[in-house]
C-alpha cells in the first residue's frame, strides 16, 4: 500500500459510522483537511475497496 492509501485508510477508520458511504467519506476527509485532492481521495477509496482493505456502505434510494 502507498503512503496516501494508508493515510486515507486510517482517516476513514476514524470517521463515525454515518460517514461510511463513498461520497460522505470523501467529503468528510476533504473538510477535515487531509491534504489530498477530492478526485484522488475518491480513487483511493475505490482502490482500497477493490483490494478488500476497506468496505463502504451504499445507500439505496
N, C-alpha and C. Protein backbone atom coordinates (compact mmCIF):
# COMPACT_ATOMS: atom_id res chain seq x y z
N UNK A 1 0.84 -1.19 0.00
CA UNK A 1 0.00 0.00 0.00
C UNK A 1 0.88 1.24 0.00
N UNK A 2 0.39 2.25 -0.69
CA UNK A 2 1.14 3.51 -0.73
C UNK A 2 0.87 4.32 0.52
N UNK A 3 1.68 5.34 0.72
CA UNK A 3 1.52 6.21 1.89
C UNK A 3 0.16 6.91 1.87
N UNK A 4 -0.27 7.35 0.68
CA UNK A 4 -1.58 8.01 0.57
C UNK A 4 -2.71 7.04 0.92
N UNK A 5 -2.61 5.80 0.45
CA UNK A 5 -3.65 4.80 0.77
C UNK A 5 -3.72 4.57 2.26
N UNK A 6 -2.59 4.47 2.92
CA UNK A 6 -2.58 4.26 4.36
C UNK A 6 -3.16 5.47 5.09
N UNK A 7 -2.84 6.67 4.61
CA UNK A 7 -3.39 7.88 5.21
C UNK A 7 -4.91 7.90 5.10
N UNK A 8 -5.42 7.59 3.91
CA UNK A 8 -6.87 7.58 3.70
C UNK A 8 -7.53 6.47 4.51
N UNK A 9 -6.93 5.30 4.54
CA UNK A 9 -7.49 4.18 5.31
C UNK A 9 -7.60 4.53 6.79
N UNK A 10 -6.56 5.11 7.35
CA UNK A 10 -6.58 5.50 8.76
C UNK A 10 -7.59 6.60 9.02
N UNK A 11 -7.71 7.55 8.09
CA UNK A 11 -8.66 8.64 8.26
C UNK A 11 -10.10 8.13 8.18
N UNK A 12 -10.38 7.21 7.29
CA UNK A 12 -11.73 6.65 7.17
C UNK A 12 -12.07 5.83 8.41
N UNK A 13 -11.11 5.12 8.94
CA UNK A 13 -11.35 4.32 10.15
C UNK A 13 -11.74 5.20 11.33
N UNK A 14 -11.28 6.44 11.33
CA UNK A 14 -11.59 7.36 12.42
C UNK A 14 -12.93 8.08 12.25
N UNK A 15 -13.55 7.93 11.08
CA UNK A 15 -14.83 8.60 10.83
C UNK A 15 -15.97 7.89 11.55
N UNK A 16 -17.02 8.63 11.92
CA UNK A 16 -18.20 7.99 12.53
C UNK A 16 -18.92 7.11 11.51
N UNK A 17 -19.73 6.19 11.99
CA UNK A 17 -20.45 5.26 11.11
C UNK A 17 -21.33 5.95 10.07
N UNK A 18 -21.82 7.15 10.37
CA UNK A 18 -22.70 7.87 9.43
C UNK A 18 -21.95 8.36 8.20
N UNK A 19 -20.64 8.36 8.24
CA UNK A 19 -19.82 8.83 7.11
C UNK A 19 -19.20 7.67 6.37
N UNK A 20 -19.84 6.54 6.33
CA UNK A 20 -19.23 5.36 5.72
C UNK A 20 -19.73 5.06 4.32
N UNK A 21 -20.28 6.05 3.62
CA UNK A 21 -20.56 5.88 2.20
C UNK A 21 -19.42 6.55 1.44
N UNK A 22 -19.16 6.18 0.20
CA UNK A 22 -18.02 6.77 -0.52
C UNK A 22 -18.06 8.30 -0.60
N UNK A 23 -19.21 8.86 -0.93
CA UNK A 23 -19.32 10.31 -1.06
C UNK A 23 -19.15 10.99 0.29
N UNK A 24 -19.80 10.47 1.31
CA UNK A 24 -19.71 11.06 2.65
C UNK A 24 -18.28 10.96 3.19
N UNK A 25 -17.64 9.83 2.97
CA UNK A 25 -16.27 9.66 3.45
C UNK A 25 -15.32 10.63 2.76
N UNK A 26 -15.42 10.73 1.44
CA UNK A 26 -14.54 11.63 0.69
C UNK A 26 -14.78 13.08 1.11
N UNK A 27 -16.04 13.47 1.27
CA UNK A 27 -16.37 14.84 1.68
C UNK A 27 -15.86 15.12 3.09
N UNK A 28 -16.05 14.19 4.01
CA UNK A 28 -15.59 14.37 5.39
C UNK A 28 -14.07 14.50 5.44
N UNK A 29 -13.37 13.71 4.63
CA UNK A 29 -11.91 13.81 4.61
C UNK A 29 -11.45 15.15 4.04
N UNK A 30 -12.16 15.64 3.02
CA UNK A 30 -11.80 16.94 2.46
C UNK A 30 -12.05 18.05 3.47
N UNK A 31 -13.17 18.00 4.18
CA UNK A 31 -13.49 19.01 5.18
C UNK A 31 -12.51 18.95 6.35
N UNK A 32 -11.98 17.78 6.62
CA UNK A 32 -11.01 17.62 7.71
C UNK A 32 -9.63 18.11 7.30
N UNK A 33 -9.44 18.41 6.03
CA UNK A 33 -8.17 18.93 5.56
C UNK A 33 -7.09 17.88 5.44
N UNK A 34 -7.43 16.76 4.81
CA UNK A 34 -6.47 15.66 4.68
C UNK A 34 -5.30 16.02 3.76
N UNK A 35 -5.48 17.02 2.90
CA UNK A 35 -4.39 17.47 2.05
C UNK A 35 -4.22 16.69 0.76
N UNK A 36 -5.23 15.94 0.38
CA UNK A 36 -5.21 15.17 -0.87
C UNK A 36 -6.42 15.64 -1.68
N UNK A 37 -6.26 15.89 -2.97
CA UNK A 37 -7.40 16.34 -3.80
C UNK A 37 -8.57 15.35 -3.76
N UNK A 38 -9.78 15.91 -3.91
CA UNK A 38 -11.01 15.10 -3.82
C UNK A 38 -10.98 13.93 -4.80
N UNK A 39 -10.58 14.20 -6.04
CA UNK A 39 -10.58 13.12 -7.04
C UNK A 39 -9.60 12.01 -6.65
N UNK A 40 -8.50 12.38 -6.05
CA UNK A 40 -7.52 11.37 -5.60
C UNK A 40 -8.08 10.57 -4.43
N UNK A 41 -8.76 11.24 -3.51
CA UNK A 41 -9.36 10.55 -2.37
C UNK A 41 -10.39 9.54 -2.87
N UNK A 42 -11.23 9.97 -3.83
CA UNK A 42 -12.25 9.07 -4.38
C UNK A 42 -11.61 7.87 -5.06
N UNK A 43 -10.55 8.10 -5.82
CA UNK A 43 -9.85 7.00 -6.49
C UNK A 43 -9.22 6.05 -5.48
N UNK A 44 -8.64 6.60 -4.43
CA UNK A 44 -8.02 5.77 -3.39
C UNK A 44 -9.07 4.94 -2.67
N UNK A 45 -10.23 5.54 -2.39
CA UNK A 45 -11.31 4.79 -1.73
C UNK A 45 -11.75 3.61 -2.60
N UNK A 46 -11.91 3.86 -3.90
CA UNK A 46 -12.29 2.77 -4.82
C UNK A 46 -11.23 1.69 -4.84
N UNK A 47 -9.96 2.10 -4.88
CA UNK A 47 -8.86 1.14 -4.93
C UNK A 47 -8.80 0.30 -3.65
N UNK A 48 -9.00 0.94 -2.50
CA UNK A 48 -8.97 0.21 -1.23
C UNK A 48 -10.13 -0.78 -1.13
N UNK A 49 -11.30 -0.37 -1.66
CA UNK A 49 -12.43 -1.30 -1.68
C UNK A 49 -12.14 -2.48 -2.60
N UNK A 50 -11.56 -2.20 -3.75
CA UNK A 50 -11.24 -3.27 -4.71
C UNK A 50 -10.23 -4.26 -4.12
N UNK A 51 -9.27 -3.75 -3.36
CA UNK A 51 -8.26 -4.59 -2.72
C UNK A 51 -8.82 -5.37 -1.53
N UNK A 52 -9.99 -4.94 -1.03
CA UNK A 52 -10.59 -5.60 0.12
C UNK A 52 -10.11 -5.05 1.45
N UNK A 53 -9.39 -3.93 1.43
CA UNK A 53 -8.87 -3.33 2.65
C UNK A 53 -9.92 -2.46 3.34
N UNK A 54 -10.98 -2.12 2.62
CA UNK A 54 -11.98 -1.18 3.13
C UNK A 54 -13.33 -1.58 2.57
N UNK A 55 -14.35 -1.44 3.39
CA UNK A 55 -15.71 -1.70 2.91
C UNK A 55 -16.59 -0.51 3.29
N UNK A 56 -17.14 0.13 2.27
CA UNK A 56 -18.02 1.28 2.49
C UNK A 56 -19.45 0.85 2.15
N UNK A 57 -20.39 1.48 2.83
CA UNK A 57 -21.81 1.18 2.60
C UNK A 57 -22.33 1.92 1.38
N UNK A 58 -23.40 1.42 0.85
CA UNK A 58 -24.10 2.08 -0.24
C UNK A 58 -25.53 2.32 0.23
N UNK A 59 -26.06 3.50 -0.05
CA UNK A 59 -27.43 3.85 0.33
C UNK A 59 -28.32 3.68 -0.88
N UNK A 60 -29.33 2.85 -0.75
CA UNK A 60 -30.27 2.65 -1.86
C UNK A 60 -31.38 3.67 -1.75
N UNK A 61 -31.72 4.30 -2.89
CA UNK A 61 -32.77 5.34 -2.87
C UNK A 61 -34.15 4.76 -2.62
